[in-house]
C-alpha atoms as a PDB file:
ATOM      1  CA  MET A   1     147.219 108.653  97.244  1.00  0.00           C
ATOM      2  CA  ALA A   2     143.767 107.561  96.041  1.00  0.00           C
ATOM      3  CA  ARG A   3     144.179 104.145  97.592  1.00  0.00           C
ATOM      4  CA  SER A   4     145.526 105.376 100.928  1.00  0.00           C
ATOM      5  CA  GLU A   5     143.065 108.261 101.473  1.00  0.00           C
ATOM      6  CA  SER A   6     139.806 107.172  99.822  1.00  0.00           C
ATOM      7  CA  THR A   7     136.974 106.794 102.329  1.00  0.00           C
ATOM      8  CA  LEU A   8     133.964 106.371 100.035  1.00  0.00           C
ATOM      9  CA  LEU A   9     133.587 103.915  97.150  1.00  0.00           C
ATOM     10  CA  PHE A  10     130.713 103.572  94.659  1.00  0.00           C
ATOM     11  CA  HIS A  11     130.466 100.689  92.217  1.00  0.00           C
ATOM     12  CA  LEU A  12     127.899 101.455  89.509  1.00  0.00           C
ATOM     13  CA  ALA A  13     129.565 100.005  86.421  1.00  0.00           C
ATOM     14  CA  ALA A  14     127.709  97.154  84.709  1.00  0.00           C
ATOM     15  CA  ILE A  15     126.529  95.816  81.395  1.00  0.00           C
ATOM     16  CA  TYR A  16     122.923  96.963  81.425  1.00  0.00           C
ATOM     17  CA  ALA A  17     121.422  95.108  78.481  1.00  0.00           C
ATOM     18  CA  LEU A  18     118.629  92.597  78.840  1.00  0.00           C
ATOM     19  CA  ALA A  19     119.906  90.630  75.851  1.00  0.00           C
ATOM     20  CA  VAL A  20     123.532  90.531  76.992  1.00  0.00           C
ATOM     21  CA  ALA A  21     125.465  87.341  76.220  1.00  0.00           C
ATOM     22  CA  ARG A  22     126.298  85.271  79.284  1.00  0.00           C
ATOM     23  CA  ASP A  23     130.071  85.378  78.871  1.00  0.00           C
ATOM     24  CA  LEU A  24     130.105  89.167  78.542  1.00  0.00           C
ATOM     25  CA  GLY A  25     127.710  89.576  81.466  1.00  0.00           C
ATOM     26  CA  LEU A  26     129.862  87.343  83.646  1.00  0.00           C
ATOM     27  CA  ARG A  27     133.049  89.148  82.637  1.00  0.00           C
ATOM     28  CA  VAL A  28     131.731  92.642  83.354  1.00  0.00           C
ATOM     29  CA  ASN A  29     129.055  92.228  86.004  1.00  0.00           C
ATOM     30  CA  LEU A  30     130.550  89.389  88.039  1.00  0.00           C
ATOM     31  CA  GLU A  31     134.310  89.484  87.440  1.00  0.00           C
ATOM     32  CA  GLY A  32     134.249  93.284  87.365  1.00  0.00           C
ATOM     33  CA  THR A  33     132.524  93.328  90.741  1.00  0.00           C
ATOM     34  CA  ARG A  34     135.042  90.885  92.169  1.00  0.00           C
ATOM     35  CA  ASN A  35     137.807  93.253  91.054  1.00  0.00           C
ATOM     36  CA  VAL A  36     136.116  96.212  92.737  1.00  0.00           C
ATOM     37  CA  ASN A  37     135.576  94.138  95.877  1.00  0.00           C
ATOM     38  CA  ASN A  38     139.292  93.382  95.998  1.00  0.00           C
ATOM     39  CA  PHE A  39     140.024  97.068  95.500  1.00  0.00           C
ATOM     40  CA  ALA A  40     137.656  97.892  98.378  1.00  0.00           C
ATOM     41  CA  ARG A  41     139.544  95.471 100.620  1.00  0.00           C
ATOM     42  CA  SER A  42     142.759  97.344  99.832  1.00  0.00           C
ATOM     43  CA  LEU A  43     141.471 100.751 101.024  1.00  0.00           C
ATOM     44  CA  PRO A  44     142.753 101.261 104.597  1.00  0.00           C
ATOM     45  CA  ALA A  45     140.596 104.352 105.209  1.00  0.00           C
ATOM     46  CA  LEU A  46     137.368 103.003 103.669  1.00  0.00           C
ATOM     47  CA  ARG A  47     134.279 104.097 105.581  1.00  0.00           C
ATOM     48  CA  HIS A  48     131.540 103.102 103.152  1.00  0.00           C
ATOM     49  CA  TYR A  49     131.291 100.903 100.056  1.00  0.00           C
ATOM     50  CA  HIS A  50     128.133 101.383  97.959  1.00  0.00           C
ATOM     51  CA  TYR A  51     127.192  98.771  95.370  1.00  0.00           C
ATOM     52  CA  VAL A  52     124.412  99.383  92.840  1.00  0.00           C
ATOM     53  CA  SER A  53     122.454  96.227  92.087  1.00  0.00           C
ATOM     54  CA  THR A  54     118.872  95.972  90.783  1.00  0.00           C
ATOM     55  CA  CYS A  55     115.476  94.867  92.057  1.00  0.00           C
ATOM     56  CA  TYR A  56     115.552  92.263  89.291  1.00  0.00           C
ATOM     57  CA  VAL A  57     118.026  90.034  91.097  1.00  0.00           C
ATOM     58  CA  ALA A  58     114.705  88.513  92.221  1.00  0.00           C
ATOM     59  CA  GLY A  59     114.595  86.849  88.803  1.00  0.00           C
ATOM     60  CA  LYS A  60     111.451  84.806  88.178  1.00  0.00           C
ATOM     61  CA  ARG A  61     110.215  85.006  91.748  1.00  0.00           C
ATOM     62  CA  THR A  62     106.652  86.255  92.161  1.00  0.00           C
ATOM     63  CA  GLY A  63     104.917  88.175  94.913  1.00  0.00           C
ATOM     64  CA  ARG A  64     106.454  90.640  97.354  1.00  0.00           C
ATOM     65  CA  ILE A  65     110.247  90.798  97.387  1.00  0.00           C
ATOM     66  CA  LEU A  66     111.818  91.860 100.678  1.00  0.00           C
ATOM     67  CA  GLU A  67     115.026  93.870 100.959  1.00  0.00           C
ATOM     68  CA  LYS A  68     116.517  91.234 103.232  1.00  0.00           C
ATOM     69  CA  GLU A  69     115.922  88.476 100.669  1.00  0.00           C
ATOM     70  CA  LEU A  70     118.421  87.440  98.017  1.00  0.00           C
ATOM     71  CA  LEU A  71     118.965  83.688  97.706  1.00  0.00           C
ATOM     72  CA  HIS A  72     116.485  81.873  95.469  1.00  0.00           C
ATOM     73  CA  GLU A  73     116.262  79.118  92.875  1.00  0.00           C
ATOM     74  CA  ALA A  74     113.440  80.559  90.773  1.00  0.00           C
ATOM     75  CA  GLY A  75     115.681  81.194  87.777  1.00  0.00           C
ATOM     76  CA  PHE A  76     116.108  84.292  85.618  1.00  0.00           C
ATOM     77  CA  ARG A  77     114.651  85.791  82.455  1.00  0.00           C
ATOM     78  CA  ASN A  78     118.050  86.732  81.035  1.00  0.00           C
ATOM     79  CA  TYR A  79     121.774  86.826  81.761  1.00  0.00           C
ATOM     80  CA  TYR A  80     121.621  90.435  82.914  1.00  0.00           C
ATOM     81  CA  GLU A  81     119.483  89.380  85.880  1.00  0.00           C
ATOM     82  CA  GLU A  82     121.589  86.293  86.539  1.00  0.00           C
ATOM     83  CA  THR A  83     124.961  88.050  86.469  1.00  0.00           C
ATOM     84  CA  LYS A  84     123.729  90.928  88.645  1.00  0.00           C
ATOM     85  CA  TYR A  85     122.393  88.344  91.107  1.00  0.00           C
ATOM     86  CA  LEU A  86     125.733  86.543  91.206  1.00  0.00           C
ATOM     87  CA  ALA A  87     127.527  89.865  91.661  1.00  0.00           C
ATOM     88  CA  GLU A  88     125.247  90.900  94.502  1.00  0.00           C
ATOM     89  CA  LEU A  89     125.969  87.595  96.232  1.00  0.00           C
ATOM     90  CA  GLU A  90     129.668  88.512  96.147  1.00  0.00           C
ATOM     91  CA  VAL A  91     129.060  91.971  97.639  1.00  0.00           C
ATOM     92  CA  ASP A  92     126.582  90.682 100.207  1.00  0.00           C
ATOM     93  CA  GLY A  93     129.273  88.304 101.413  1.00  0.00           C
ATOM     94  CA  LEU A  94     131.482  91.306 102.211  1.00  0.00           C
ATOM     95  CA  LYS A  95     129.064  92.742 104.771  1.00  0.00           C
ATOM     96  CA  SER A  96     130.799  90.957 107.648  1.00  0.00           C
ATOM     97  CA  GLU A  97     134.134  92.307 106.483  1.00  0.00           C
ATOM     98  CA  LEU A  98     133.524  95.828 105.121  1.00  0.00           C
ATOM     99  CA  PRO A  99     131.025  98.700 105.623  1.00  0.00           C
ATOM    100  CA  VAL A 100     128.776  97.825 102.676  1.00  0.00           C
ATOM    101  CA  THR A 101     125.438  99.176 101.448  1.00  0.00           C
ATOM    102  CA  ILE A 102     123.656  97.534  98.516  1.00  0.00           C
ATOM    103  CA  HIS A 103     121.214  99.615  96.472  1.00  0.00           C
ATOM    104  CA  ARG A 104     118.566  97.958  94.306  1.00  0.00           C
ATOM    105  CA  PRO A 105     116.867 100.480  92.002  1.00  0.00           C
ATOM    106  CA  ALA A 106     113.692  99.510  90.165  1.00  0.00           C
ATOM    107  CA  VAL A 107     113.177 100.619  86.517  1.00  0.00           C
ATOM    108  CA  VAL A 108     114.920 103.986  86.267  1.00  0.00           C
ATOM    109  CA  CYS A 109     113.395 106.649  84.016  1.00  0.00           C
ATOM    110  CA  GLY A 110     114.155 110.315  83.337  1.00  0.00           C
ATOM    111  CA  ASP A 111     114.587 113.244  85.684  1.00  0.00           C
ATOM    112  CA  SER A 112     111.274 114.097  87.362  1.00  0.00           C
ATOM    113  CA  ARG A 113     111.961 117.834  87.058  1.00  0.00           C
ATOM    114  CA  SER A 114     113.504 118.196  83.601  1.00  0.00           C
ATOM    115  CA  GLY A 115     112.478 114.945  81.940  1.00  0.00           C
ATOM    116  CA  GLU A 116     116.031 114.446  80.721  1.00  0.00           C
ATOM    117  CA  THR A 117     117.169 110.875  80.149  1.00  0.00           C
ATOM    118  CA  ALA A 118     120.209 109.166  78.648  1.00  0.00           C
ATOM    119  CA  LYS A 119     118.383 106.167  77.195  1.00  0.00           C
ATOM    120  CA  TYR A 120     114.978 105.215  75.889  1.00  0.00           C
ATOM    121  CA  ASP A 121     114.037 101.887  77.436  1.00  0.00           C
ATOM    122  CA  GLY A 122     111.660 100.656  80.130  1.00  0.00           C
ATOM    123  CA  ILE A 123     108.575 102.875  80.194  1.00  0.00           C
ATOM    124  CA  TYR A 124     109.821 104.741  77.123  1.00  0.00           C
ATOM    125  CA  TYR A 125     108.895 101.777  74.946  1.00  0.00           C
ATOM    126  CA  LEU A 126     105.271 102.459  75.870  1.00  0.00           C
ATOM    127  CA  ILE A 127     105.626 106.236  75.545  1.00  0.00           C
ATOM    128  CA  ARG A 128     107.211 106.047  72.098  1.00  0.00           C
ATOM    129  CA  TYR A 129     104.647 103.444  71.004  1.00  0.00           C
ATOM    130  CA  LEU A 130     101.783 105.786  71.897  1.00  0.00           C
ATOM    131  CA  LEU A 131     103.496 108.769  70.290  1.00  0.00           C
ATOM    132  CA  LYS A 132     103.434 106.991  66.912  1.00  0.00           C
ATOM    133  CA  TRP A 133      99.659 107.250  66.436  1.00  0.00           C
ATOM    134  CA  PRO A 134      98.044 108.490  69.662  1.00  0.00           C
ATOM    135  CA  SER A 135      94.481 108.911  68.399  1.00  0.00           C
ATOM    136  CA  VAL A 136      94.240 105.214  67.491  1.00  0.00           C
ATOM    137  CA  LEU A 137      96.774 103.403  69.685  1.00  0.00           C
ATOM    138  CA  SER A 138      95.627 105.073  72.916  1.00  0.00           C
ATOM    139  CA  ALA A 139      92.144 103.594  72.476  1.00  0.00           C
ATOM    140  CA  PHE A 140      93.379 100.024  73.072  1.00  0.00           C
ATOM    141  CA  ASN A 141      95.018  99.546  76.455  1.00  0.00           C
ATOM    142  CA  ILE A 142      97.786  96.947  76.294  1.00  0.00           C
ATOM    143  CA  GLY A 143      98.355  97.024  80.053  1.00  0.00           C
ATOM    144  CA  ASN A 144      96.537  95.006  82.706  1.00  0.00           C
ATOM    145  CA  THR A 145      95.467  95.213  86.327  1.00  0.00           C
ATOM    146  CA  GLU A 146      97.507  92.219  87.510  1.00  0.00           C
ATOM    147  CA  VAL A 147     100.985  93.677  87.000  1.00  0.00           C
ATOM    148  CA  ALA A 148     102.670  96.809  88.353  1.00  0.00           C
ATOM    149  CA  LEU A 149     105.728  98.213  86.580  1.00  0.00           C
ATOM    150  CA  ASN A 150     107.863  99.830  89.269  1.00  0.00           C
ATOM    151  CA  LEU A 151     109.349 103.136  88.069  1.00  0.00           C
ATOM    152  CA  VAL A 152     111.756 105.521  89.795  1.00  0.00           C
ATOM    153  CA  PRO A 153     113.040 108.827  88.387  1.00  0.00           C
ATOM    154  CA  VAL A 154     116.798 109.105  88.141  1.00  0.00           C
ATOM    155  CA  ASP A 155     116.970 112.200  90.365  1.00  0.00           C
ATOM    156  CA  PHE A 156     115.338 110.264  93.219  1.00  0.00           C
ATOM    157  CA  VAL A 157     117.854 107.426  92.869  1.00  0.00           C
ATOM    158  CA  VAL A 158     120.838 109.798  92.787  1.00  0.00           C
ATOM    159  CA  GLU A 159     119.593 111.899  95.702  1.00  0.00           C
ATOM    160  CA  ALA A 160     118.832 108.805  97.775  1.00  0.00           C
ATOM    161  CA  MET A 161     122.260 107.268  97.194  1.00  0.00           C
ATOM    162  CA  ALA A 162     124.106 110.533  97.811  1.00  0.00           C
ATOM    163  CA  THR A 163     122.254 111.009 101.082  1.00  0.00           C
ATOM    164  CA  LEU A 164     122.723 107.424 102.250  1.00  0.00           C
ATOM    165  CA  ALA A 165     126.438 107.755 101.533  1.00  0.00           C
ATOM    166  CA  GLN A 166     126.565 110.124 104.504  1.00  0.00           C
ATOM    167  CA  ASP A 167     124.332 108.021 106.756  1.00  0.00           C
ATOM    168  CA  PRO A 168     126.134 105.392 108.865  1.00  0.00           C
ATOM    169  CA  LEU A 169     122.776 103.739 109.598  1.00  0.00           C
ATOM    170  CA  SER A 170     122.724 102.436 106.028  1.00  0.00           C
ATOM    171  CA  VAL A 171     125.869 100.337 106.544  1.00  0.00           C
ATOM    172  CA  GLY A 172     125.114  96.646 106.274  1.00  0.00           C
ATOM    173  CA  LYS A 173     121.738  97.229 104.623  1.00  0.00           C
ATOM    174  CA  THR A 174     120.278  96.213 101.272  1.00  0.00           C
ATOM    175  CA  LEU A 175     117.874  98.925 100.146  1.00  0.00           C
ATOM    176  CA  GLN A 176     115.286  98.735  97.397  1.00  0.00           C
ATOM    177  CA  LEU A 177     114.992 102.148  95.752  1.00  0.00           C
ATOM    178  CA  ALA A 178     111.521 101.573  94.372  1.00  0.00           C
ATOM    179  CA  ASP A 179     108.086 103.158  94.315  1.00  0.00           C
ATOM    180  CA  PRO A 180     106.175 101.832  97.350  1.00  0.00           C
ATOM    181  CA  GLU A 181     102.882 102.327  95.474  1.00  0.00           C
ATOM    182  CA  PRO A 182     103.545 101.584  91.796  1.00  0.00           C
ATOM    183  CA  LEU A 183     100.838 101.851  89.168  1.00  0.00           C
ATOM    184  CA  THR A 184      99.543  98.849  87.300  1.00  0.00           C
ATOM    185  CA  THR A 185     100.499  98.693  83.639  1.00  0.00           C
ATOM    186  CA  ARG A 186      96.886  99.543  82.779  1.00  0.00           C
ATOM    187  CA  GLU A 187      97.091 102.679  84.927  1.00  0.00           C
ATOM    188  CA  LEU A 188     100.467 103.578  83.416  1.00  0.00           C
ATOM    189  CA  PHE A 189      99.030 103.269  79.917  1.00  0.00           C
ATOM    190  CA  ASN A 190      96.106 105.557  80.755  1.00  0.00           C
ATOM    191  CA  THR A 191      98.329 108.104  82.501  1.00  0.00           C
ATOM    192  CA  ILE A 192     100.547 108.371  79.427  1.00  0.00           C
ATOM    193  CA  ALA A 193      97.601 108.287  77.009  1.00  0.00           C
ATOM    194  CA  ARG A 194      95.954 111.226  78.796  1.00  0.00           C
ATOM    195  CA  ARG A 195      99.133 113.261  78.465  1.00  0.00           C
ATOM    196  CA  ILE A 196      99.671 112.433  74.807  1.00  0.00           C
ATOM    197  CA  GLY A 197      96.138 112.268  73.442  1.00  0.00           C
ATOM    198  CA  GLY A 198      93.991 113.838  76.115  1.00  0.00           C
ATOM    199  CA  ARG A 199      91.949 110.721  76.844  1.00  0.00           C
ATOM    200  CA  GLU A 200      92.152 107.268  78.390  1.00  0.00           C
ATOM    201  CA  SER A 201      91.795 103.971  76.584  1.00  0.00           C
ATOM    202  CA  ARG A 202      88.392 102.640  75.585  1.00  0.00           C
ATOM    203  CA  VAL A 203      89.178  98.929  75.614  1.00  0.00           C
ATOM    204  CA  THR A 204      91.647  96.880  77.664  1.00  0.00           C
ATOM    205  CA  LEU A 205      92.998  93.998  75.632  1.00  0.00           C
ATOM    206  CA  PRO A 206      93.446  90.569  77.309  1.00  0.00           C
ATOM    207  CA  ALA A 207      96.931  90.223  78.768  1.00  0.00           C
ATOM    208  CA  TRP A 208      97.531  86.845  77.087  1.00  0.00           C
ATOM    209  CA  LEU A 209      96.731  88.334  73.692  1.00  0.00           C
ATOM    210  CA  VAL A 210      99.027  91.309  74.231  1.00  0.00           C
ATOM    211  CA  GLU A 211     101.921  89.136  75.388  1.00  0.00           C
ATOM    212  CA  PHE A 212     101.450  86.711  72.484  1.00  0.00           C
ATOM    213  CA  SER A 213     101.325  89.584  69.979  1.00  0.00           C
ATOM    214  CA  LEU A 214     104.423  91.292  71.383  1.00  0.00           C
ATOM    215  CA  MET A 215     106.435  88.088  70.983  1.00  0.00           C
ATOM    216  CA  LEU A 216     105.605  87.652  67.302  1.00  0.00           C
ATOM    217  CA  PRO A 217     108.672  87.910  65.029  1.00  0.00           C
ATOM    218  CA  LEU A 218     107.785  91.288  63.504  1.00  0.00           C
ATOM    219  CA  ALA A 219     106.421  92.868  66.708  1.00  0.00           C
ATOM    220  CA  PRO A 220     109.640  94.720  67.687  1.00  0.00           C
ATOM    221  CA  LYS A 221     109.695  96.566  64.356  1.00  0.00           C
ATOM    222  CA  ILE A 222     106.091  97.659  64.815  1.00  0.00           C
ATOM    223  CA  THR A 223     106.046  98.483  68.540  1.00  0.00           C
ATOM    224  CA  GLY A 224     109.705  99.332  69.218  1.00  0.00           C
ATOM    225  CA  LEU A 225     109.672  96.911  72.182  1.00  0.00           C
ATOM    226  CA  PRO A 226     112.381  94.222  71.854  1.00  0.00           C
ATOM    227  CA  HIS A 227     111.435  90.679  72.797  1.00  0.00           C
ATOM    228  CA  SER A 228     113.862  90.860  75.730  1.00  0.00           C
ATOM    229  CA  GLY A 229     111.784  93.654  77.287  1.00  0.00           C
ATOM    230  CA  VAL A 230     108.367  92.015  76.953  1.00  0.00           C
ATOM    231  CA  PRO A 231     108.475  89.914  80.187  1.00  0.00           C
ATOM    232  CA  TYR A 232     108.838  93.050  82.343  1.00  0.00           C
ATOM    233  CA  PHE A 233     105.383  94.247  81.355  1.00  0.00           C
ATOM    234  CA  PHE A 234     103.916  90.972  82.671  1.00  0.00           C
ATOM    235  CA  LEU A 235     106.063  90.524  85.787  1.00  0.00           C
ATOM    236  CA  LYS A 236     104.069  89.831  88.947  1.00  0.00           C
ATOM    237  CA  GLN A 237     106.575  91.171  91.463  1.00  0.00           C
ATOM    238  CA  THR A 238     106.352  93.966  94.012  1.00  0.00           C
ATOM    239  CA  TYR A 239     109.253  95.376  96.021  1.00  0.00           C
ATOM    240  CA  ASP A 240     109.212  96.091  99.719  1.00  0.00           C
ATOM    241  CA  THR A 241     110.905  99.405 100.571  1.00  0.00           C
ATOM    242  CA  ALA A 242     110.595  99.400 104.371  1.00  0.00           C
ATOM    243  CA  GLN A 243     114.302  99.824 105.153  1.00  0.00           C
ATOM    244  CA  ALA A 244     114.917 102.407 102.446  1.00  0.00           C
ATOM    245  CA  THR A 245     111.839 104.412 103.485  1.00  0.00           C
ATOM    246  CA  GLU A 246     112.891 104.380 107.139  1.00  0.00           C
ATOM    247  CA  LEU A 247     116.378 105.670 106.345  1.00  0.00           C
ATOM    248  CA  LEU A 248     115.321 108.288 103.777  1.00  0.00           C
ATOM    249  CA  LYS A 249     112.316 109.730 105.623  1.00  0.00           C
ATOM    250  CA  PRO A 250     114.370 111.801 108.129  1.00  0.00           C
ATOM    251  CA  HIS A 251     116.123 113.403 105.143  1.00  0.00           C
ATOM    252  CA  GLY A 252     112.841 114.324 103.481  1.00  0.00           C
ATOM    253  CA  ILE A 253     113.459 112.017 100.519  1.00  0.00           C
ATOM    254  CA  SER A 254     110.786 109.804  98.993  1.00  0.00           C
ATOM    255  CA  CYS A 255     109.997 108.402  95.576  1.00  0.00           C
ATOM    256  CA  PRO A 256     107.526 110.711  93.809  1.00  0.00           C
ATOM    257  CA  PRO A 257     104.404 109.081  92.344  1.00  0.00           C
ATOM    258  CA  PHE A 258     104.552 108.499  88.603  1.00  0.00           C
ATOM    259  CA  GLU A 259     101.564 110.767  87.971  1.00  0.00           C
ATOM    260  CA  SER A 260     103.494 113.736  89.364  1.00  0.00           C
ATOM    261  CA  TYR A 261     106.203 113.598  86.699  1.00  0.00           C
ATOM    262  CA  ALA A 262     104.636 111.580  83.865  1.00  0.00           C
ATOM    263  CA  GLY A 263     103.915 114.730  81.864  1.00  0.00           C
ATOM    264  CA  THR A 264     107.520 115.870  82.201  1.00  0.00           C
ATOM    265  CA  ILE A 265     109.097 112.693  80.843  1.00  0.00           C
ATOM    266  CA  VAL A 266     106.455 112.260  78.133  1.00  0.00           C
ATOM    267  CA  ASP A 267     106.977 115.822  76.913  1.00  0.00           C
ATOM    268  CA  TYR A 268     110.746 115.336  76.880  1.00  0.00           C
ATOM    269  CA  ALA A 269     110.405 112.175  74.781  1.00  0.00           C
ATOM    270  CA  ALA A 270     108.081 113.981  72.373  1.00  0.00           C
ATOM    271  CA  ARG A 271     110.530 116.897  71.990  1.00  0.00           C
ATOM    272  CA  HIS A 272     113.547 114.601  71.604  1.00  0.00           C
ATOM    273  CA  PRO A 273     112.604 111.721  69.288  1.00  0.00           C
ATOM    274  CA  VAL A 274     116.311 110.930  68.968  1.00  0.00           C
ATOM    275  CA  LEU A 275     118.753 111.230  71.839  1.00  0.00           C
ATOM    276  CA  THR A 276     122.125 112.781  71.062  1.00  0.00           C
ATOM    277  CA  ASN A 277     124.262 111.669  73.963  1.00  0.00           C
ATOM    278  CA  PRO A 278     127.893 112.790  74.026  1.00  0.00           C
END
């Protein structure tokens, strides 16, 4: 019954771990996607297949990343990026055969209205770092003006995908669900510092010094930021959202600016130092 009558298919399952081993990443992210692709081919009534990728299939590329771009030889920071890239290649190859839409979210954080989140990673490393000793740590900005960390609240991603699932104009498209005007990491630091401690930083530390310090052996125990996450705070990539913006605008959906919900997610993290997920 499910196979003969299903019209809509979402593939979201993946190993989302920056330090994932290559064999596990290949087995889940690549082979798992191939299995779902074969399942999609077997659905006679399929009207729309949605695959959730990531903006970070761009790997070590720098500069502006277009939604229509995928192939590159720049390499990857980890096997998560590499296996998601290989999986997206498989799905992209189906576009001539099936009604496919590929979604590439940026760094997903908590709900912009409730602050709720299922995992503390991404921007939460910075939030939880500043919560440790706000009066002192907030004085020294560890961000910089050269890098923007692209953040999207989970409710925006869900609403965008649910809406595009009903929009035939999204068929055949690859859409980057990202903030079209992301803050630099320096601006992110100050936005969070104002919410936690009521003031911005006094000194911005040199980026090279921050990156070197974060990669020292004991740094993860002190900062809470694993070595695998450090490169993303120094990643000189931006993500074009022209196609996604064009499709979502008629539905009144857009990515909210980080400043509009920063207080909500910071307050949630402060109230819930430990997440108790079911």
